[in-house]
Amino acid sequence: MGFTYLSDMCNAAGTHILPEAWTCQRQSHTLRSPSWPNFKAPGRQTKAAWQSLLPSLFILPGHSHRQLASPLGEWLTPLDSHWIWWHDPVTDTLWEHRQLNEWHTWTSLPRRYQHRRFSHAGPSAEGPPGNRSCATVRVSGSVARMQDIGASPPQQPATVQSTLQAAILDLPPTCLWAVQYAQSGDHALTVARAIAQGTAVAVSDGSLRYTLGTLLGLCH
């Protein structure tokens, strides 16, 4: 069936066990690992034992819709590499992860039903944006129905560095080339105070070229 963790057999919201997990079918919400072995479908006795095990471990007693006794809560990572369906709330777009580095988008349809509906738009050269949430989706033909979404982990506030040198070292690797040498006697405290007071003066040698070139700058 392709299950490793409890989250593999649950909906994106982490509140219910999926129907295919209950009926011992191969899950359809995470990408299957190529190293996963192939086995025959479980027999009747195996399925009965499985459906007896799940309520004793995870399902709320007496609940007929496979609700978890303890919801899973927020996802640990903002973009799980195995989960297939993701929702962008800003553009109201579904993102489908078909295989490694292959993404397809689904555009929203008019709201006429309880569940949001989306139409397949085609492949995308880029992946989903940073504010995405994993989603539980059912596909029927060319229409996808989003049933629920998972709670994303809260965004951690950026750390404010207290010195100029620390701020330079904290730059992304793609930006470090721009500051190969910097010197300040008081960790740029005087410059920062002058900027805040509106009295800072910047002097450049004018050698910057947007296509090719560098720049010498002095701020006091």
N, C-alpha and C. Protein backbone atom coordinates (compact mmCIF):
# COMPACT_ATOMS: atom_id res chain seq x y z
N MET A 1 0.83 -1.22 0.00
CA MET A 1 0.00 0.00 0.00
C MET A 1 0.86 1.26 0.00
N GLY A 2 2.12 1.12 0.36
CA GLY A 2 3.01 2.28 0.28
C GLY A 2 2.99 3.17 1.51
N PHE A 3 2.64 2.63 2.69
CA PHE A 3 2.58 3.44 3.90
C PHE A 3 3.84 3.24 4.74
N THR A 4 4.43 4.34 5.16
CA THR A 4 5.56 4.29 6.09
C THR A 4 5.19 4.96 7.41
N TYR A 5 4.52 6.11 7.33
CA TYR A 5 4.11 6.87 8.51
C TYR A 5 2.59 6.95 8.56
N LEU A 6 2.09 7.28 9.73
CA LEU A 6 0.65 7.48 9.88
C LEU A 6 0.16 8.59 8.97
N SER A 7 0.98 9.63 8.77
CA SER A 7 0.58 10.73 7.89
C SER A 7 0.40 10.28 6.45
N ASP A 8 1.05 9.18 6.04
CA ASP A 8 0.89 8.68 4.67
C ASP A 8 -0.51 8.16 4.41
N MET A 9 -1.20 7.74 5.47
CA MET A 9 -2.53 7.17 5.28
C MET A 9 -3.64 8.13 5.74
N CYS A 10 -3.28 9.39 6.02
CA CYS A 10 -4.26 10.36 6.49
C CYS A 10 -4.48 11.47 5.47
N ASN A 11 -5.56 12.20 5.65
CA ASN A 11 -5.82 13.36 4.79
C ASN A 11 -4.84 14.48 5.12
N ALA A 12 -4.84 15.52 4.28
CA ALA A 12 -3.88 16.62 4.47
C ALA A 12 -4.09 17.34 5.79
N ALA A 13 -5.33 17.42 6.24
CA ALA A 13 -5.62 18.09 7.51
C ALA A 13 -5.15 17.28 8.72
N GLY A 14 -4.81 15.99 8.51
CA GLY A 14 -4.34 15.16 9.61
C GLY A 14 -5.42 14.81 10.61
N THR A 15 -6.67 14.69 10.14
CA THR A 15 -7.79 14.42 11.05
C THR A 15 -8.45 13.08 10.81
N HIS A 16 -8.33 12.51 9.60
CA HIS A 16 -9.01 11.27 9.25
C HIS A 16 -8.09 10.35 8.45
N ILE A 17 -8.28 9.06 8.60
CA ILE A 17 -7.61 8.08 7.76
C ILE A 17 -8.34 8.01 6.42
N LEU A 18 -7.59 8.02 5.33
CA LEU A 18 -8.18 8.04 4.00
C LEU A 18 -8.93 6.73 3.70
N PRO A 19 -9.96 6.80 2.87
CA PRO A 19 -10.73 5.59 2.52
C PRO A 19 -9.87 4.50 1.90
N GLU A 20 -8.91 4.88 1.02
CA GLU A 20 -8.09 3.85 0.37
C GLU A 20 -7.18 3.16 1.37
N ALA A 21 -6.78 3.87 2.42
CA ALA A 21 -5.98 3.23 3.46
C ALA A 21 -6.82 2.23 4.24
N TRP A 22 -8.06 2.55 4.48
CA TRP A 22 -8.97 1.67 5.21
C TRP A 22 -9.26 0.40 4.42
N THR A 23 -9.40 0.52 3.10
CA THR A 23 -9.75 -0.62 2.26
C THR A 23 -8.52 -1.30 1.65
N CYS A 24 -7.33 -0.97 2.15
CA CYS A 24 -6.08 -1.63 1.73
C CYS A 24 -5.77 -1.41 0.26
N GLN A 25 -6.07 -0.22 -0.25
CA GLN A 25 -5.70 0.12 -1.62
C GLN A 25 -4.44 0.97 -1.59
N ARG A 26 -3.76 1.02 -2.72
CA ARG A 26 -2.54 1.82 -2.80
C ARG A 26 -2.89 3.30 -2.65
N GLN A 27 -2.18 3.99 -1.80
CA GLN A 27 -2.47 5.40 -1.54
C GLN A 27 -2.17 6.24 -2.79
N SER A 28 -2.89 7.35 -2.92
CA SER A 28 -2.78 8.18 -4.12
C SER A 28 -2.44 9.63 -3.80
N HIS A 29 -1.99 9.91 -2.56
CA HIS A 29 -1.69 11.29 -2.18
C HIS A 29 -0.21 11.54 -1.97
N THR A 30 0.59 10.50 -2.05
CA THR A 30 2.04 10.67 -1.98
C THR A 30 2.69 9.90 -3.12
N LEU A 31 3.85 10.40 -3.58
CA LEU A 31 4.58 9.73 -4.65
C LEU A 31 5.14 8.41 -4.13
N ARG A 32 5.03 7.40 -4.95
CA ARG A 32 5.51 6.08 -4.55
C ARG A 32 7.01 5.99 -4.72
N SER A 33 7.70 5.49 -3.71
CA SER A 33 9.14 5.32 -3.79
C SER A 33 9.47 4.18 -4.76
N PRO A 34 10.44 4.38 -5.67
CA PRO A 34 10.78 3.30 -6.60
C PRO A 34 11.36 2.08 -5.92
N SER A 35 11.83 2.24 -4.69
CA SER A 35 12.40 1.10 -3.97
C SER A 35 11.35 0.29 -3.20
N TRP A 36 10.07 0.74 -3.26
CA TRP A 36 9.03 0.03 -2.52
C TRP A 36 8.75 -1.31 -3.20
N PRO A 37 8.75 -2.42 -2.47
CA PRO A 37 8.55 -3.74 -3.10
C PRO A 37 7.13 -3.92 -3.61
N ASN A 38 6.97 -4.79 -4.60
CA ASN A 38 5.66 -5.13 -5.15
C ASN A 38 5.13 -6.39 -4.47
N PHE A 39 3.90 -6.29 -3.97
CA PHE A 39 3.25 -7.42 -3.34
C PHE A 39 1.83 -7.55 -3.89
N LYS A 40 1.25 -8.72 -3.69
CA LYS A 40 -0.15 -8.90 -4.06
C LYS A 40 -1.04 -8.09 -3.13
N ALA A 41 -2.26 -7.85 -3.60
CA ALA A 41 -3.23 -7.14 -2.76
C ALA A 41 -3.57 -8.00 -1.54
N PRO A 42 -3.80 -7.39 -0.38
CA PRO A 42 -4.12 -8.16 0.83
C PRO A 42 -5.40 -8.96 0.64
N GLY A 43 -5.43 -10.16 1.21
CA GLY A 43 -6.62 -11.00 1.14
C GLY A 43 -7.68 -10.57 2.14
N ARG A 44 -8.78 -11.33 2.17
CA ARG A 44 -9.91 -10.96 3.02
C ARG A 44 -9.53 -10.98 4.50
N GLN A 45 -8.82 -12.01 4.93
CA GLN A 45 -8.46 -12.09 6.35
C GLN A 45 -7.46 -10.99 6.73
N THR A 46 -6.52 -10.72 5.83
CA THR A 46 -5.56 -9.66 6.10
C THR A 46 -6.24 -8.30 6.20
N LYS A 47 -7.19 -8.05 5.30
CA LYS A 47 -7.93 -6.79 5.34
C LYS A 47 -8.74 -6.67 6.63
N ALA A 48 -9.36 -7.77 7.05
CA ALA A 48 -10.13 -7.73 8.29
C ALA A 48 -9.22 -7.45 9.49
N ALA A 49 -8.04 -8.04 9.51
CA ALA A 49 -7.10 -7.78 10.60
C ALA A 49 -6.65 -6.33 10.59
N TRP A 50 -6.41 -5.78 9.39
CA TRP A 50 -6.00 -4.38 9.25
C TRP A 50 -7.09 -3.44 9.76
N GLN A 51 -8.32 -3.70 9.40
CA GLN A 51 -9.43 -2.84 9.82
C GLN A 51 -9.77 -3.02 11.29
N SER A 52 -9.28 -4.07 11.88
CA SER A 52 -9.43 -4.23 13.33
C SER A 52 -8.30 -3.53 14.07
N LEU A 53 -7.11 -3.47 13.44
CA LEU A 53 -5.96 -2.85 14.07
C LEU A 53 -6.07 -1.34 14.11
N LEU A 54 -6.52 -0.72 13.02
CA LEU A 54 -6.56 0.74 12.95
C LEU A 54 -7.41 1.37 14.06
N PRO A 55 -8.64 0.89 14.32
CA PRO A 55 -9.43 1.50 15.40
C PRO A 55 -8.78 1.33 16.78
N SER A 56 -8.10 0.22 16.96
CA SER A 56 -7.50 -0.01 18.28
C SER A 56 -6.31 0.90 18.54
N LEU A 57 -5.69 1.44 17.48
CA LEU A 57 -4.51 2.27 17.64
C LEU A 57 -4.78 3.76 17.42
N PHE A 58 -5.57 4.09 16.38
CA PHE A 58 -5.61 5.48 15.95
C PHE A 58 -6.99 6.11 15.89
N ILE A 59 -8.02 5.35 15.59
CA ILE A 59 -9.34 5.92 15.28
C ILE A 59 -10.14 6.16 16.55
N LEU A 60 -10.87 7.27 16.54
CA LEU A 60 -11.74 7.62 17.66
C LEU A 60 -12.78 6.53 17.87
N PRO A 61 -12.93 6.02 19.09
CA PRO A 61 -13.87 4.92 19.33
C PRO A 61 -15.29 5.26 18.89
N GLY A 62 -15.90 4.33 18.17
CA GLY A 62 -17.27 4.50 17.73
C GLY A 62 -17.46 5.43 16.56
N HIS A 63 -16.38 5.93 15.94
CA HIS A 63 -16.50 6.88 14.83
C HIS A 63 -16.50 6.12 13.52
N SER A 64 -17.51 6.37 12.69
CA SER A 64 -17.69 5.61 11.44
C SER A 64 -16.95 6.23 10.27
N HIS A 65 -16.34 7.41 10.43
CA HIS A 65 -15.67 8.07 9.31
C HIS A 65 -14.15 8.11 9.51
N ARG A 66 -13.64 7.21 10.35
CA ARG A 66 -12.19 7.02 10.52
C ARG A 66 -11.49 8.27 11.06
N GLN A 67 -12.15 9.01 11.95
CA GLN A 67 -11.55 10.19 12.55
C GLN A 67 -10.49 9.78 13.56
N LEU A 68 -9.34 10.44 13.52
CA LEU A 68 -8.26 10.11 14.44
C LEU A 68 -8.59 10.54 15.87
N ALA A 69 -8.20 9.73 16.80
CA ALA A 69 -8.38 10.10 18.20
C ALA A 69 -7.49 11.28 18.57
N SER A 70 -6.32 11.35 17.96
CA SER A 70 -5.39 12.46 18.18
C SER A 70 -4.97 13.03 16.84
N PRO A 71 -5.49 14.19 16.42
CA PRO A 71 -5.10 14.79 15.13
C PRO A 71 -3.59 15.00 15.06
N LEU A 72 -3.07 14.97 13.86
CA LEU A 72 -1.62 15.04 13.66
C LEU A 72 -1.06 16.44 13.86
N GLY A 73 -1.88 17.48 13.67
CA GLY A 73 -1.40 18.84 13.86
C GLY A 73 -0.70 19.38 12.62
N GLU A 74 0.18 20.37 12.82
CA GLU A 74 0.85 21.02 11.71
C GLU A 74 1.91 20.11 11.09
N TRP A 75 2.13 20.30 9.78
CA TRP A 75 3.18 19.56 9.09
C TRP A 75 4.53 20.09 9.54
N LEU A 76 5.52 19.21 9.59
CA LEU A 76 6.83 19.59 10.09
C LEU A 76 7.63 20.39 9.08
N THR A 77 7.40 20.15 7.79
CA THR A 77 8.14 20.87 6.75
C THR A 77 7.15 21.56 5.82
N PRO A 78 7.49 22.75 5.29
CA PRO A 78 6.57 23.48 4.42
C PRO A 78 6.37 22.84 3.06
N LEU A 79 7.30 22.01 2.60
CA LEU A 79 7.14 21.36 1.30
C LEU A 79 7.67 19.94 1.39
N ASP A 80 6.77 18.99 1.64
CA ASP A 80 7.14 17.59 1.70
C ASP A 80 7.42 17.09 0.29
N SER A 81 8.53 16.40 0.10
CA SER A 81 8.93 15.97 -1.24
C SER A 81 8.09 14.83 -1.78
N HIS A 82 7.25 14.20 -0.93
CA HIS A 82 6.45 13.06 -1.37
C HIS A 82 4.98 13.39 -1.57
N TRP A 83 4.48 14.45 -0.91
CA TRP A 83 3.06 14.77 -1.02
C TRP A 83 2.76 15.33 -2.41
N ILE A 84 1.65 14.92 -3.01
CA ILE A 84 1.36 15.25 -4.41
C ILE A 84 0.64 16.58 -4.57
N TRP A 85 -0.37 16.86 -3.74
CA TRP A 85 -1.25 18.00 -3.98
C TRP A 85 -0.96 19.15 -3.03
N TRP A 86 -0.87 20.37 -3.61
CA TRP A 86 -0.60 21.60 -2.83
C TRP A 86 -1.50 22.71 -3.32
N HIS A 87 -1.91 23.57 -2.40
CA HIS A 87 -2.82 24.67 -2.73
C HIS A 87 -2.15 26.00 -2.42
N ASP A 88 -2.22 26.93 -3.40
CA ASP A 88 -1.72 28.29 -3.23
C ASP A 88 -2.90 29.20 -2.95
N PRO A 89 -3.07 29.71 -1.72
CA PRO A 89 -4.25 30.51 -1.38
C PRO A 89 -4.27 31.87 -2.05
N VAL A 90 -3.10 32.39 -2.46
CA VAL A 90 -3.06 33.72 -3.07
C VAL A 90 -3.68 33.70 -4.46
N THR A 91 -3.29 32.73 -5.28
CA THR A 91 -3.83 32.63 -6.65
C THR A 91 -4.95 31.61 -6.74
N ASP A 92 -5.27 30.93 -5.63
CA ASP A 92 -6.28 29.87 -5.61
C ASP A 92 -6.01 28.84 -6.71
N THR A 93 -4.78 28.31 -6.67
CA THR A 93 -4.33 27.35 -7.67
C THR A 93 -3.89 26.07 -6.98
N LEU A 94 -4.21 24.93 -7.61
CA LEU A 94 -3.72 23.64 -7.15
C LEU A 94 -2.44 23.30 -7.89
N TRP A 95 -1.49 22.74 -7.16
CA TRP A 95 -0.24 22.26 -7.75
C TRP A 95 -0.17 20.75 -7.56
N GLU A 96 0.10 20.04 -8.64
CA GLU A 96 0.19 18.58 -8.60
C GLU A 96 1.64 18.16 -8.85
N HIS A 97 2.20 17.43 -7.90
CA HIS A 97 3.57 16.93 -8.02
C HIS A 97 3.51 15.52 -8.60
N ARG A 98 3.80 15.38 -9.89
CA ARG A 98 3.64 14.09 -10.55
C ARG A 98 4.86 13.19 -10.38
N GLN A 99 6.03 13.76 -10.47
CA GLN A 99 7.27 13.05 -10.21
C GLN A 99 8.34 14.08 -9.92
N LEU A 100 9.57 13.62 -9.72
CA LEU A 100 10.64 14.52 -9.32
C LEU A 100 10.76 15.68 -10.31
N ASN A 101 10.62 16.91 -9.79
CA ASN A 101 10.77 18.15 -10.57
C ASN A 101 9.74 18.28 -11.69
N GLU A 102 8.63 17.59 -11.61
CA GLU A 102 7.55 17.75 -12.59
C GLU A 102 6.28 18.20 -11.87
N TRP A 103 5.80 19.41 -12.21
CA TRP A 103 4.63 20.00 -11.57
C TRP A 103 3.59 20.35 -12.62
N HIS A 104 2.30 20.17 -12.25
CA HIS A 104 1.19 20.59 -13.07
C HIS A 104 0.30 21.51 -12.24
N THR A 105 -0.33 22.48 -12.89
CA THR A 105 -1.22 23.41 -12.19
C THR A 105 -2.67 23.15 -12.58
N TRP A 106 -3.56 23.46 -11.63
CA TRP A 106 -5.01 23.34 -11.81
C TRP A 106 -5.63 24.66 -11.40
N THR A 107 -6.41 25.25 -12.28
CA THR A 107 -7.03 26.56 -12.01
C THR A 107 -8.41 26.36 -11.40
N SER A 108 -8.80 27.30 -10.54
CA SER A 108 -10.07 27.17 -9.82
C SER A 108 -11.26 27.41 -10.74
N LEU A 109 -12.34 26.69 -10.47
CA LEU A 109 -13.61 26.85 -11.17
C LEU A 109 -14.58 27.63 -10.29
N PRO A 110 -15.66 28.18 -10.85
CA PRO A 110 -16.63 28.93 -10.04
C PRO A 110 -17.13 28.11 -8.86
N ARG A 111 -17.35 28.78 -7.73
CA ARG A 111 -17.81 28.11 -6.51
C ARG A 111 -19.30 27.77 -6.62
N ARG A 112 -19.59 26.51 -6.82
CA ARG A 112 -20.98 26.06 -6.91
C ARG A 112 -21.27 24.87 -6.00
N TYR A 113 -20.21 24.28 -5.44
CA TYR A 113 -20.38 23.08 -4.64
C TYR A 113 -19.67 23.26 -3.31
N GLN A 114 -19.89 22.30 -2.41
CA GLN A 114 -19.28 22.37 -1.09
C GLN A 114 -17.75 22.32 -1.19
N HIS A 115 -17.24 21.43 -2.04
CA HIS A 115 -15.81 21.31 -2.23
C HIS A 115 -15.35 22.16 -3.41
N ARG A 116 -14.21 22.80 -3.24
CA ARG A 116 -13.63 23.59 -4.32
C ARG A 116 -13.29 22.70 -5.49
N ARG A 117 -13.51 23.18 -6.72
CA ARG A 117 -13.26 22.41 -7.93
C ARG A 117 -12.22 23.14 -8.77
N PHE A 118 -11.36 22.36 -9.46
CA PHE A 118 -10.27 22.92 -10.25
C PHE A 118 -10.18 22.18 -11.58
N SER A 119 -9.70 22.90 -12.59
CA SER A 119 -9.53 22.34 -13.93
C SER A 119 -8.04 22.28 -14.27
N HIS A 120 -7.64 21.19 -14.92
CA HIS A 120 -6.23 20.99 -15.24
C HIS A 120 -5.77 22.02 -16.26
N ALA A 121 -4.69 22.75 -15.91
CA ALA A 121 -4.16 23.80 -16.80
C ALA A 121 -2.94 23.34 -17.58
N GLY A 122 -2.22 22.33 -17.07
CA GLY A 122 -1.06 21.83 -17.79
C GLY A 122 0.20 21.88 -16.95
N PRO A 123 1.32 21.48 -17.53
CA PRO A 123 2.60 21.45 -16.79
C PRO A 123 3.11 22.85 -16.51
N SER A 124 3.94 22.95 -15.47
CA SER A 124 4.54 24.22 -15.08
C SER A 124 6.05 24.04 -14.97
N ALA A 125 6.78 25.04 -15.42
CA ALA A 125 8.25 24.99 -15.34
C ALA A 125 8.74 25.26 -13.92
N GLU A 126 7.88 25.80 -13.06
CA GLU A 126 8.26 26.13 -11.69
C GLU A 126 7.44 25.32 -10.70
N GLY A 127 7.91 25.29 -9.47
CA GLY A 127 7.18 24.64 -8.41
C GLY A 127 6.25 25.60 -7.69
N PRO A 128 5.52 25.13 -6.69
CA PRO A 128 4.58 25.98 -5.96
C PRO A 128 5.31 27.05 -5.17
N PRO A 129 4.64 28.18 -4.88
CA PRO A 129 5.27 29.26 -4.10
C PRO A 129 5.41 28.88 -2.64
N GLY A 130 6.02 29.77 -1.88
CA GLY A 130 6.33 29.46 -0.49
C GLY A 130 5.13 29.41 0.43
N ASN A 131 4.02 30.03 0.07
CA ASN A 131 2.86 30.08 0.98
C ASN A 131 1.85 28.99 0.64
N ARG A 132 2.31 27.82 0.22
CA ARG A 132 1.41 26.73 -0.16
C ARG A 132 1.02 25.90 1.06
N SER A 133 -0.03 25.11 0.90
CA SER A 133 -0.47 24.17 1.92
C SER A 133 -0.80 22.86 1.24
N CYS A 134 -0.46 21.74 1.86
CA CYS A 134 -0.80 20.45 1.28
C CYS A 134 -2.32 20.27 1.31
N ALA A 135 -2.84 19.52 0.34
CA ALA A 135 -4.28 19.38 0.17
C ALA A 135 -4.66 17.93 -0.09
N THR A 136 -5.89 17.58 0.29
CA THR A 136 -6.48 16.30 -0.07
C THR A 136 -7.36 16.53 -1.28
N VAL A 137 -7.10 15.81 -2.36
CA VAL A 137 -7.75 16.07 -3.65
C VAL A 137 -8.26 14.76 -4.24
N ARG A 138 -9.44 14.81 -4.84
CA ARG A 138 -9.99 13.70 -5.61
C ARG A 138 -10.16 14.16 -7.04
N VAL A 139 -9.68 13.35 -7.99
CA VAL A 139 -9.74 13.71 -9.40
C VAL A 139 -10.76 12.83 -10.11
N SER A 140 -11.65 13.48 -10.87
CA SER A 140 -12.63 12.78 -11.69
C SER A 140 -12.57 13.38 -13.08
N GLY A 141 -11.95 12.64 -14.02
CA GLY A 141 -11.79 13.17 -15.37
C GLY A 141 -10.82 14.33 -15.38
N SER A 142 -11.29 15.47 -15.86
CA SER A 142 -10.44 16.67 -15.93
C SER A 142 -10.73 17.63 -14.79
N VAL A 143 -11.48 17.21 -13.77
CA VAL A 143 -11.85 18.07 -12.65
C VAL A 143 -11.30 17.48 -11.36
N ALA A 144 -10.68 18.33 -10.56
CA ALA A 144 -10.15 17.94 -9.25
C ALA A 144 -10.96 18.62 -8.16
N ARG A 145 -11.34 17.87 -7.13
CA ARG A 145 -12.09 18.41 -5.99
C ARG A 145 -11.18 18.43 -4.77
N MET A 146 -10.99 19.62 -4.19
CA MET A 146 -10.17 19.76 -2.99
C MET A 146 -11.06 19.56 -1.77
N GLN A 147 -10.73 18.55 -0.96
CA GLN A 147 -11.57 18.19 0.19
C GLN A 147 -11.12 18.85 1.48
N ASP A 148 -9.83 19.05 1.65
CA ASP A 148 -9.34 19.74 2.84
C ASP A 148 -7.90 20.13 2.60
N ILE A 149 -7.36 20.97 3.47
CA ILE A 149 -5.96 21.39 3.39
C ILE A 149 -5.31 21.21 4.75
N GLY A 150 -3.99 21.08 4.75
CA GLY A 150 -3.26 20.90 5.99
C GLY A 150 -2.76 22.21 6.55
N ALA A 151 -2.52 22.22 7.83
CA ALA A 151 -1.98 23.41 8.48
C ALA A 151 -0.48 23.48 8.27
N SER A 152 -0.02 24.58 7.72
CA SER A 152 1.41 24.76 7.46
C SER A 152 2.11 25.21 8.74
N PRO A 153 3.39 24.87 8.88
CA PRO A 153 4.13 25.34 10.06
C PRO A 153 4.25 26.85 10.01
N PRO A 154 4.20 27.51 11.16
CA PRO A 154 4.31 28.98 11.16
C PRO A 154 5.66 29.43 10.64
N GLN A 155 5.67 30.53 9.91
CA GLN A 155 6.91 31.07 9.39
C GLN A 155 7.76 31.64 10.53
N GLN A 156 9.00 31.22 10.58
CA GLN A 156 9.90 31.71 11.61
C GLN A 156 10.39 33.12 11.24
N PRO A 157 10.30 34.07 12.17
CA PRO A 157 10.78 35.43 11.85
C PRO A 157 12.27 35.44 11.57
N ALA A 158 12.66 36.28 10.64
CA ALA A 158 14.08 36.37 10.28
C ALA A 158 14.88 36.93 11.46
N THR A 159 16.04 36.35 11.67
CA THR A 159 16.92 36.81 12.74
C THR A 159 17.59 38.12 12.35
N VAL A 160 17.49 39.12 13.21
CA VAL A 160 18.12 40.41 12.96
C VAL A 160 19.51 40.39 13.54
N GLN A 161 20.51 40.52 12.67
CA GLN A 161 21.89 40.49 13.13
C GLN A 161 22.26 41.83 13.77
N SER A 162 23.11 41.79 14.81
CA SER A 162 23.44 42.99 15.58
C SER A 162 24.70 43.69 15.08
N THR A 163 25.48 43.03 14.23
CA THR A 163 26.70 43.65 13.72
C THR A 163 26.74 43.55 12.20
N LEU A 164 27.51 44.43 11.58
CA LEU A 164 27.64 44.42 10.13
C LEU A 164 28.27 43.13 9.64
N GLN A 165 29.31 42.66 10.32
CA GLN A 165 29.99 41.44 9.90
C GLN A 165 29.05 40.24 9.97
N ALA A 166 28.25 40.18 11.04
CA ALA A 166 27.30 39.07 11.17
C ALA A 166 26.24 39.13 10.07
N ALA A 167 25.79 40.34 9.72
CA ALA A 167 24.80 40.49 8.66
C ALA A 167 25.36 40.05 7.32
N ILE A 168 26.64 40.36 7.06
CA ILE A 168 27.27 39.94 5.81
C ILE A 168 27.38 38.42 5.74
N LEU A 169 27.79 37.80 6.83
CA LEU A 169 27.91 36.35 6.87
C LEU A 169 26.56 35.65 6.76
N ASP A 170 25.49 36.36 7.11
CA ASP A 170 24.15 35.78 7.07
C ASP A 170 23.50 35.92 5.69
N LEU A 171 24.18 36.58 4.76
CA LEU A 171 23.63 36.73 3.42
C LEU A 171 23.50 35.38 2.72
N PRO A 172 22.52 35.22 1.80
CA PRO A 172 22.43 33.99 1.02
C PRO A 172 23.71 33.79 0.21
N PRO A 173 24.07 32.55 -0.09
CA PRO A 173 25.30 32.29 -0.86
C PRO A 173 25.33 33.01 -2.20
N THR A 174 24.15 33.22 -2.80
CA THR A 174 24.12 33.89 -4.10
C THR A 174 24.41 35.37 -4.01
N CYS A 175 24.44 35.93 -2.79
CA CYS A 175 24.69 37.38 -2.62
C CYS A 175 26.06 37.68 -2.02
N LEU A 176 26.75 36.66 -1.56
CA LEU A 176 28.02 36.90 -0.88
C LEU A 176 29.06 37.51 -1.81
N TRP A 177 28.95 37.23 -3.10
CA TRP A 177 29.94 37.77 -4.04
C TRP A 177 29.93 39.30 -4.05
N ALA A 178 28.79 39.90 -3.73
CA ALA A 178 28.65 41.36 -3.84
C ALA A 178 29.41 42.09 -2.73
N VAL A 179 29.71 41.42 -1.63
CA VAL A 179 30.42 42.06 -0.52
C VAL A 179 31.65 41.20 -0.21
N GLN A 180 32.70 41.41 -0.96
CA GLN A 180 33.91 40.63 -0.76
C GLN A 180 34.82 41.26 0.30
N TYR A 181 34.63 42.56 0.57
CA TYR A 181 35.44 43.21 1.61
C TYR A 181 34.62 44.34 2.22
N ALA A 182 34.55 44.39 3.54
CA ALA A 182 33.85 45.46 4.24
C ALA A 182 34.59 45.74 5.54
N GLN A 183 34.73 47.03 5.87
CA GLN A 183 35.45 47.42 7.08
C GLN A 183 34.68 48.51 7.79
N SER A 184 34.55 48.36 9.09
CA SER A 184 33.88 49.36 9.90
C SER A 184 34.43 49.28 11.32
N GLY A 185 34.78 50.45 11.88
CA GLY A 185 35.39 50.46 13.19
C GLY A 185 34.44 50.12 14.31
N ASP A 186 33.16 50.46 14.17
CA ASP A 186 32.19 50.23 15.25
C ASP A 186 31.02 49.39 14.78
N HIS A 187 31.30 48.43 13.87
CA HIS A 187 30.26 47.56 13.32
C HIS A 187 29.14 48.36 12.67
N ALA A 188 29.50 49.48 12.06
CA ALA A 188 28.58 50.33 11.30
C ALA A 188 27.53 50.98 12.19
N LEU A 189 27.77 51.07 13.50
CA LEU A 189 26.82 51.70 14.38
C LEU A 189 26.65 53.18 14.05
N THR A 190 27.75 53.87 13.77
CA THR A 190 27.68 55.29 13.44
C THR A 190 26.91 55.52 12.15
N VAL A 191 27.16 54.67 11.15
CA VAL A 191 26.45 54.78 9.88
C VAL A 191 24.96 54.51 10.07
N ALA A 192 24.64 53.48 10.84
CA ALA A 192 23.23 53.14 11.07
C ALA A 192 22.51 54.29 11.77
N ARG A 193 23.18 54.90 12.76
CA ARG A 193 22.57 56.02 13.46
C ARG A 193 22.37 57.21 12.51
N ALA A 194 23.35 57.44 11.62
CA ALA A 194 23.22 58.54 10.66
C ALA A 194 22.09 58.30 9.67
N ILE A 195 21.91 57.04 9.24
CA ILE A 195 20.81 56.73 8.33
C ILE A 195 19.47 56.97 9.01
N ALA A 196 19.38 56.55 10.29
CA ALA A 196 18.14 56.75 11.03
C ALA A 196 17.83 58.22 11.24
N GLN A 197 18.87 59.04 11.38
CA GLN A 197 18.68 60.48 11.61
C GLN A 197 18.60 61.27 10.31
N GLY A 198 18.86 60.60 9.18
CA GLY A 198 18.78 61.29 7.89
C GLY A 198 19.98 62.14 7.57
N THR A 199 21.12 61.88 8.22
CA THR A 199 22.32 62.69 7.98
C THR A 199 23.43 61.91 7.27
N ALA A 200 23.17 60.67 6.86
CA ALA A 200 24.21 59.86 6.22
C ALA A 200 24.48 60.37 4.82
N VAL A 201 25.74 60.28 4.43
CA VAL A 201 26.17 60.69 3.09
C VAL A 201 26.90 59.51 2.46
N ALA A 202 26.50 59.12 1.24
CA ALA A 202 27.15 58.02 0.53
C ALA A 202 27.96 58.57 -0.62
N VAL A 203 29.19 58.08 -0.79
CA VAL A 203 30.08 58.51 -1.86
C VAL A 203 30.50 57.29 -2.66
N SER A 204 30.44 57.38 -3.99
CA SER A 204 30.81 56.28 -4.87
C SER A 204 31.81 56.76 -5.89
N ASP A 205 32.63 55.83 -6.38
CA ASP A 205 33.57 56.20 -7.43
C ASP A 205 32.93 56.15 -8.81
N GLY A 206 31.65 55.79 -8.88
CA GLY A 206 30.91 55.82 -10.14
C GLY A 206 31.28 54.73 -11.11
N SER A 207 31.91 53.65 -10.63
CA SER A 207 32.35 52.62 -11.56
C SER A 207 31.34 51.51 -11.77
N LEU A 208 30.14 51.62 -11.16
CA LEU A 208 29.15 50.55 -11.31
C LEU A 208 28.64 50.48 -12.74
N ARG A 209 28.62 49.26 -13.30
CA ARG A 209 28.01 48.99 -14.59
C ARG A 209 27.01 47.85 -14.39
N TYR A 210 25.78 48.05 -14.83
CA TYR A 210 24.74 47.06 -14.55
C TYR A 210 24.99 45.74 -15.26
N THR A 211 25.65 45.77 -16.41
CA THR A 211 25.90 44.53 -17.13
C THR A 211 27.20 43.86 -16.71
N LEU A 212 28.22 44.67 -16.42
CA LEU A 212 29.51 44.12 -16.01
C LEU A 212 30.29 45.20 -15.27
N GLY A 213 30.76 44.92 -14.08
CA GLY A 213 31.54 45.92 -13.37
C GLY A 213 31.31 45.86 -11.87
N THR A 214 32.13 46.57 -11.12
CA THR A 214 32.05 46.61 -9.66
C THR A 214 31.95 48.04 -9.19
N LEU A 215 31.91 48.20 -7.89
CA LEU A 215 31.67 49.54 -7.34
C LEU A 215 32.44 49.68 -6.04
N LEU A 216 33.06 50.84 -5.88
CA LEU A 216 33.67 51.20 -4.60
C LEU A 216 32.76 52.24 -3.95
N GLY A 217 32.33 51.96 -2.72
CA GLY A 217 31.40 52.86 -2.06
C GLY A 217 31.90 53.23 -0.67
N LEU A 218 31.56 54.44 -0.24
CA LEU A 218 31.93 54.90 1.09
C LEU A 218 30.73 55.61 1.69
N CYS A 219 30.37 55.22 2.91
CA CYS A 219 29.22 55.81 3.58
C CYS A 219 29.68 56.37 4.92
N HIS A 220 29.33 57.64 5.20
CA HIS A 220 29.75 58.26 6.46
C HIS A 220 28.70 59.23 6.92
